[in-house]
Protein backbone atom coordinates (compact mmCIF):
# COMPACT_ATOMS: atom_id res chain seq x y z
CA UNK A 1 6.04 -9.80 -26.33
CA UNK A 2 5.92 -8.61 -22.81
CA UNK A 3 2.84 -7.95 -20.69
CA UNK A 4 2.08 -4.30 -20.07
CA UNK A 5 3.17 -3.64 -16.40
CA UNK A 6 0.44 -1.02 -15.72
CA UNK A 7 -2.16 -3.42 -17.05
CA UNK A 8 -1.22 -6.34 -14.80
CA UNK A 9 -1.41 -4.04 -11.75
CA UNK A 10 -5.07 -2.78 -12.68
CA UNK A 11 -6.91 -5.78 -14.30
CA UNK A 12 -7.60 -9.40 -13.36
CA UNK A 13 -8.90 -11.94 -15.71
CA UNK A 14 -11.92 -14.18 -14.43
CA UNK A 15 -12.46 -17.74 -15.15
CA UNK A 16 -15.08 -17.12 -17.86
CA UNK A 17 -12.63 -14.89 -19.65
CA UNK A 18 -13.98 -11.38 -18.67
CA UNK A 19 -11.78 -8.79 -17.08
CA UNK A 20 -12.23 -7.20 -13.66
CA UNK A 21 -11.22 -3.61 -12.83
CA UNK A 22 -11.50 -1.21 -10.00
CA UNK A 23 -13.57 1.97 -10.18
CA UNK A 24 -12.00 5.38 -10.52
CA UNK A 25 -12.56 8.38 -8.26
CA UNK A 26 -12.09 6.41 -4.89
CA UNK A 27 -8.69 7.55 -3.91
CA UNK A 28 -8.75 11.19 -2.51
CA UNK A 29 -10.88 14.08 -1.95
CA UNK A 30 -13.44 11.46 -0.58
CA UNK A 31 -15.15 13.96 1.94
CA UNK A 32 -16.93 15.74 -0.81
CA UNK A 33 -18.31 12.45 -2.14
CA UNK A 34 -21.31 10.88 -0.68
CA UNK A 35 -21.09 7.59 1.43
CA UNK A 36 -23.41 5.91 -1.08
CA UNK A 37 -21.16 6.90 -3.95
CA UNK A 38 -18.10 5.70 -1.89
CA UNK A 39 -19.74 2.20 -1.37
CA UNK A 40 -20.48 1.89 -5.08
CA UNK A 41 -16.95 2.77 -5.97
CA UNK A 42 -15.36 0.26 -3.73
CA UNK A 43 -16.86 -2.63 -5.57
CA UNK A 44 -15.09 -4.21 -8.78
CA UNK A 45 -16.51 -3.58 -12.15
CA UNK A 46 -16.06 -5.32 -15.46
CA UNK A 47 -14.22 -3.91 -18.44
CA UNK A 48 -16.56 -2.88 -21.17
CA UNK A 49 -16.77 -5.17 -24.28
CA UNK A 50 -15.63 -2.38 -26.61
CA UNK A 51 -12.27 -2.24 -24.57
CA UNK A 52 -12.09 -6.03 -23.92
CA UNK A 53 -9.88 -6.87 -26.92
CA UNK A 54 -7.20 -4.22 -26.15
CA UNK A 55 -6.99 -5.09 -22.29
CA UNK A 56 -6.67 -8.74 -22.99
CA UNK A 57 -3.93 -8.00 -25.48
CA UNK A 58 -2.01 -5.95 -22.94
CA UNK A 59 -2.33 -8.87 -20.44
CA UNK A 60 -1.57 -11.73 -22.75
CA UNK A 61 0.89 -10.01 -24.94
């Protein structure tokens, strides 16, 4: 089994086994979005528990 190429570019495993991800909507058309929203989107988020199993399977396959 191979790792899913798209997944390895988008997700990163933490030491505790959680999965980090970037927020969407922070690539273009940024002048219409508030500065506050831009700052929030800049930070990393965690993959939701309901999606964790599928994402880990894509990374560790």
